[in-house]
Amino acid sequence: MKPHWHEDIQQYIDGQSSAEETATLCKALSEDAELRALYLDYMNLDMSLGALADAAVVEENGPNRITTLHEAHADSPPHY
């Protein structure tokens, strides 16, 4: 696995990947089990941090005013 994948995955999660970079990542994910595991680790971390941020907003604003800060990307690649 190439070391640049960490940065590429993070850029993708942040919505900063170009179409070409996204296509390259998706192709690599379909071919490399170790990379898929790393990708899932990043996605799980991102979702967990988002859930914690949402909980902090609810706690700060009260239970009757729910604000979602973290949303899944509509253009996410298939889940591996």
C-alpha atoms as a PDB file:
ATOM      1  CA  MET A   1       0.000   0.000   0.000  1.00  0.00           C
ATOM      2  CA  LYS A   2       1.328   3.410  -0.953  1.00  0.00           C
ATOM      3  CA  PRO A   3       1.844   5.971   1.819  1.00  0.00           C
ATOM      4  CA  HIS A   4      -0.051   8.683  -0.081  1.00  0.00           C
ATOM      5  CA  TRP A   5      -3.335   6.827   0.410  1.00  0.00           C
ATOM      6  CA  HIS A   6      -3.758   8.345   3.883  1.00  0.00           C
ATOM      7  CA  GLU A   7      -3.830  11.833   2.400  1.00  0.00           C
ATOM      8  CA  ASP A   8      -5.941  10.767  -0.592  1.00  0.00           C
ATOM      9  CA  ILE A   9      -8.579   9.180   1.659  1.00  0.00           C
ATOM     10  CA  GLN A  10      -8.722  12.215   3.919  1.00  0.00           C
ATOM     11  CA  GLN A  11      -9.080  14.570   0.950  1.00  0.00           C
ATOM     12  CA  TYR A  12     -11.887  12.405  -0.387  1.00  0.00           C
ATOM     13  CA  ILE A  13     -13.701  12.392   2.966  1.00  0.00           C
ATOM     14  CA  ASP A  14     -13.325  16.171   3.156  1.00  0.00           C
ATOM     15  CA  GLY A  15     -14.814  16.519  -0.345  1.00  0.00           C
ATOM     16  CA  GLN A  16     -11.586  17.905  -1.783  1.00  0.00           C
ATOM     17  CA  SER A  17     -10.789  15.167  -4.319  1.00  0.00           C
ATOM     18  CA  SER A  18     -11.041  15.749  -8.029  1.00  0.00           C
ATOM     19  CA  ALA A  19     -13.068  13.372 -10.190  1.00  0.00           C
ATOM     20  CA  GLU A  20      -9.821  11.771 -11.367  1.00  0.00           C
ATOM     21  CA  GLU A  21      -8.537  11.303  -7.798  1.00  0.00           C
ATOM     22  CA  THR A  22     -11.880   9.813  -6.757  1.00  0.00           C
ATOM     23  CA  ALA A  23     -11.823   7.378  -9.674  1.00  0.00           C
ATOM     24  CA  THR A  24      -8.250   6.347  -8.818  1.00  0.00           C
ATOM     25  CA  LEU A  25      -9.189   5.782  -5.185  1.00  0.00           C
ATOM     26  CA  CYS A  26     -12.288   3.746  -6.103  1.00  0.00           C
ATOM     27  CA  LYS A  27     -10.259   1.550  -8.471  1.00  0.00           C
ATOM     28  CA  ALA A  28      -7.593   0.998  -5.824  1.00  0.00           C
ATOM     29  CA  LEU A  29     -10.240   0.171  -3.211  1.00  0.00           C
ATOM     30  CA  SER A  30     -11.656  -2.525  -5.471  1.00  0.00           C
ATOM     31  CA  GLU A  31      -8.219  -4.121  -5.841  1.00  0.00           C
ATOM     32  CA  ASP A  32      -6.564  -3.781  -2.413  1.00  0.00           C
ATOM     33  CA  ALA A  33      -8.026  -5.347   0.752  1.00  0.00           C
ATOM     34  CA  GLU A  34      -5.527  -3.565   3.005  1.00  0.00           C
ATOM     35  CA  LEU A  35      -6.520  -0.214   1.511  1.00  0.00           C
ATOM     36  CA  ARG A  36     -10.215  -1.061   2.003  1.00  0.00           C
ATOM     37  CA  ALA A  37      -9.533  -1.711   5.694  1.00  0.00           C
ATOM     38  CA  LEU A  38      -7.729   1.629   5.998  1.00  0.00           C
ATOM     39  CA  TYR A  39     -10.587   3.401   4.181  1.00  0.00           C
ATOM     40  CA  LEU A  40     -13.132   1.855   6.569  1.00  0.00           C
ATOM     41  CA  ASP A  41     -11.036   2.948   9.557  1.00  0.00           C
ATOM     42  CA  TYR A  42     -11.044   6.516   8.237  1.00  0.00           C
ATOM     43  CA  MET A  43     -14.787   6.437   7.533  1.00  0.00           C
ATOM     44  CA  ASN A  44     -15.556   5.023  10.985  1.00  0.00           C
ATOM     45  CA  LEU A  45     -13.413   7.700  12.611  1.00  0.00           C
ATOM     46  CA  ASP A  46     -15.049  10.435  10.539  1.00  0.00           C
ATOM     47  CA  MET A  47     -18.561   9.217  11.406  1.00  0.00           C
ATOM     48  CA  SER A  48     -17.687   8.874  15.105  1.00  0.00           C
ATOM     49  CA  LEU A  49     -16.263  12.372  15.272  1.00  0.00           C
ATOM     50  CA  GLY A  50     -19.338  13.690  13.471  1.00  0.00           C
ATOM     51  CA  ALA A  51     -21.644  11.951  15.941  1.00  0.00           C
ATOM     52  CA  LEU A  52     -19.704  13.444  18.859  1.00  0.00           C
ATOM     53  CA  ALA A  53     -19.952  16.903  17.295  1.00  0.00           C
ATOM     54  CA  ASP A  54     -23.706  16.455  16.800  1.00  0.00           C
ATOM     55  CA  ALA A  55     -24.086  15.356  20.435  1.00  0.00           C
ATOM     56  CA  ALA A  56     -22.165  18.407  21.619  1.00  0.00           C
ATOM     57  CA  VAL A  57     -24.444  20.717  19.603  1.00  0.00           C
ATOM     58  CA  VAL A  58     -27.567  19.048  20.996  1.00  0.00           C
ATOM     59  CA  GLU A  59     -26.192  19.289  24.521  1.00  0.00           C
ATOM     60  CA  GLU A  60     -25.333  22.958  24.040  1.00  0.00           C
ATOM     61  CA  ASN A  61     -28.601  23.933  22.313  1.00  0.00           C
ATOM     62  CA  GLY A  62     -30.980  21.647  24.170  1.00  0.00           C
ATOM     63  CA  PRO A  63     -32.842  18.537  23.025  1.00  0.00           C
ATOM     64  CA  ASN A  64     -35.609  20.481  21.245  1.00  0.00           C
ATOM     65  CA  ARG A  65     -33.225  22.099  18.755  1.00  0.00           C
ATOM     66  CA  ILE A  66     -31.285  19.480  16.847  1.00  0.00           C
ATOM     67  CA  THR A  67     -28.678  20.686  14.380  1.00  0.00           C
ATOM     68  CA  THR A  68     -26.718  18.238  12.267  1.00  0.00           C
ATOM     69  CA  LEU A  69     -23.169  19.329  11.561  1.00  0.00           C
ATOM     70  CA  HIS A  70     -22.030  16.095   9.974  1.00  0.00           C
ATOM     71  CA  GLU A  71     -23.651  14.633   6.877  1.00  0.00           C
ATOM     72  CA  ALA A  72     -22.634  11.664   4.754  1.00  0.00           C
ATOM     73  CA  HIS A  73     -21.318  12.489   1.296  1.00  0.00           C
ATOM     74  CA  ALA A  74     -23.896  11.827  -1.405  1.00  0.00           C
ATOM     75  CA  ASP A  75     -21.128  10.878  -3.830  1.00  0.00           C
ATOM     76  CA  SER A  76     -19.465   8.329  -1.560  1.00  0.00           C
ATOM     77  CA  PRO A  77     -18.016   5.301  -3.326  1.00  0.00           C
ATOM     78  CA  PRO A  78     -19.674   1.967  -2.688  1.00  0.00           C
ATOM     79  CA  HIS A  79     -19.133   0.661   0.829  1.00  0.00           C
ATOM     80  CA  TYR A  80     -16.522  -2.044   0.846  1.00  0.00           C
END
